[in-house]
């Protein structure tokens, strides 16, 4: 999520956690998710 596509806070909030106190690793978006976010951003006035 470090590509700047989403708000920087998303990389802190959306993580894969394996244990309760584990900060986890960042999520990676699937291609269709990236395409959807880019399409939505393109509609933004």
C-alpha atoms as a PDB file:
ATOM      1  CA  UNK A   1       0.000   0.000   0.000  1.00  0.00           C
ATOM      2  CA  UNK A   2       2.990   2.256  -0.160  1.00  0.00           C
ATOM      3  CA  UNK A   3       2.307   3.229  -3.776  1.00  0.00           C
ATOM      4  CA  UNK A   4       0.339   6.286  -2.651  1.00  0.00           C
ATOM      5  CA  UNK A   5      -2.885   4.876  -4.070  1.00  0.00           C
ATOM      6  CA  UNK A   6      -4.601   4.881  -0.683  1.00  0.00           C
ATOM      7  CA  UNK A   7      -4.388   7.161   2.327  1.00  0.00           C
ATOM      8  CA  UNK A   8      -1.151   6.530   4.313  1.00  0.00           C
ATOM      9  CA  UNK A   9      -3.175   5.542   7.394  1.00  0.00           C
ATOM     10  CA  UNK A  10      -4.475   2.476   5.513  1.00  0.00           C
ATOM     11  CA  UNK A  11      -1.072   0.783   5.796  1.00  0.00           C
ATOM     12  CA  UNK A  12      -1.278   1.078   9.580  1.00  0.00           C
ATOM     13  CA  UNK A  13      -4.888  -0.072   9.867  1.00  0.00           C
ATOM     14  CA  UNK A  14      -5.082  -2.864   7.272  1.00  0.00           C
ATOM     15  CA  UNK A  15      -2.516  -5.482   8.243  1.00  0.00           C
ATOM     16  CA  UNK A  16      -2.295  -9.273   8.401  1.00  0.00           C
ATOM     17  CA  UNK A  17      -1.857 -10.216  12.045  1.00  0.00           C
ATOM     18  CA  UNK A  18      -0.874 -13.653  13.263  1.00  0.00           C
ATOM     19  CA  UNK A  19      -1.062 -12.952  17.010  1.00  0.00           C
ATOM     20  CA  UNK A  20      -2.905 -10.483  19.231  1.00  0.00           C
ATOM     21  CA  UNK A  21       0.076  -8.182  19.911  1.00  0.00           C
ATOM     22  CA  UNK A  22       1.702  -8.696  16.516  1.00  0.00           C
ATOM     23  CA  UNK A  23       1.677  -5.473  14.450  1.00  0.00           C
ATOM     24  CA  UNK A  24       1.416  -7.708  11.374  1.00  0.00           C
ATOM     25  CA  UNK A  25       2.601  -7.312   7.843  1.00  0.00           C
ATOM     26  CA  UNK A  26       1.069  -4.876   5.367  1.00  0.00           C
ATOM     27  CA  UNK A  27      -1.667  -6.132   3.061  1.00  0.00           C
ATOM     28  CA  UNK A  28      -1.125  -6.276  -0.669  1.00  0.00           C
ATOM     29  CA  UNK A  29      -4.033  -5.371  -2.894  1.00  0.00           C
ATOM     30  CA  UNK A  30      -5.100  -7.698  -5.677  1.00  0.00           C
ATOM     31  CA  UNK A  31      -4.977  -6.356  -9.232  1.00  0.00           C
ATOM     32  CA  UNK A  32      -8.775  -5.997  -9.425  1.00  0.00           C
ATOM     33  CA  UNK A  33      -8.729  -3.999  -6.166  1.00  0.00           C
ATOM     34  CA  UNK A  34      -6.068  -1.632  -7.513  1.00  0.00           C
ATOM     35  CA  UNK A  35      -8.069  -1.241 -10.731  1.00  0.00           C
ATOM     36  CA  UNK A  36     -11.236  -0.466  -8.745  1.00  0.00           C
ATOM     37  CA  UNK A  37      -9.524   2.175  -6.589  1.00  0.00           C
ATOM     38  CA  UNK A  38      -7.963   3.804  -9.661  1.00  0.00           C
ATOM     39  CA  UNK A  39     -11.322   3.850 -11.452  1.00  0.00           C
ATOM     40  CA  UNK A  40     -13.011   5.420  -8.428  1.00  0.00           C
ATOM     41  CA  UNK A  41     -10.278   8.043  -8.125  1.00  0.00           C
ATOM     42  CA  UNK A  42     -10.662   8.889 -11.803  1.00  0.00           C
ATOM     43  CA  UNK A  43     -14.323   9.808 -11.144  1.00  0.00           C
ATOM     44  CA  UNK A  44     -13.379  12.183  -8.335  1.00  0.00           C
ATOM     45  CA  UNK A  45     -14.015  15.802  -9.402  1.00  0.00           C
END
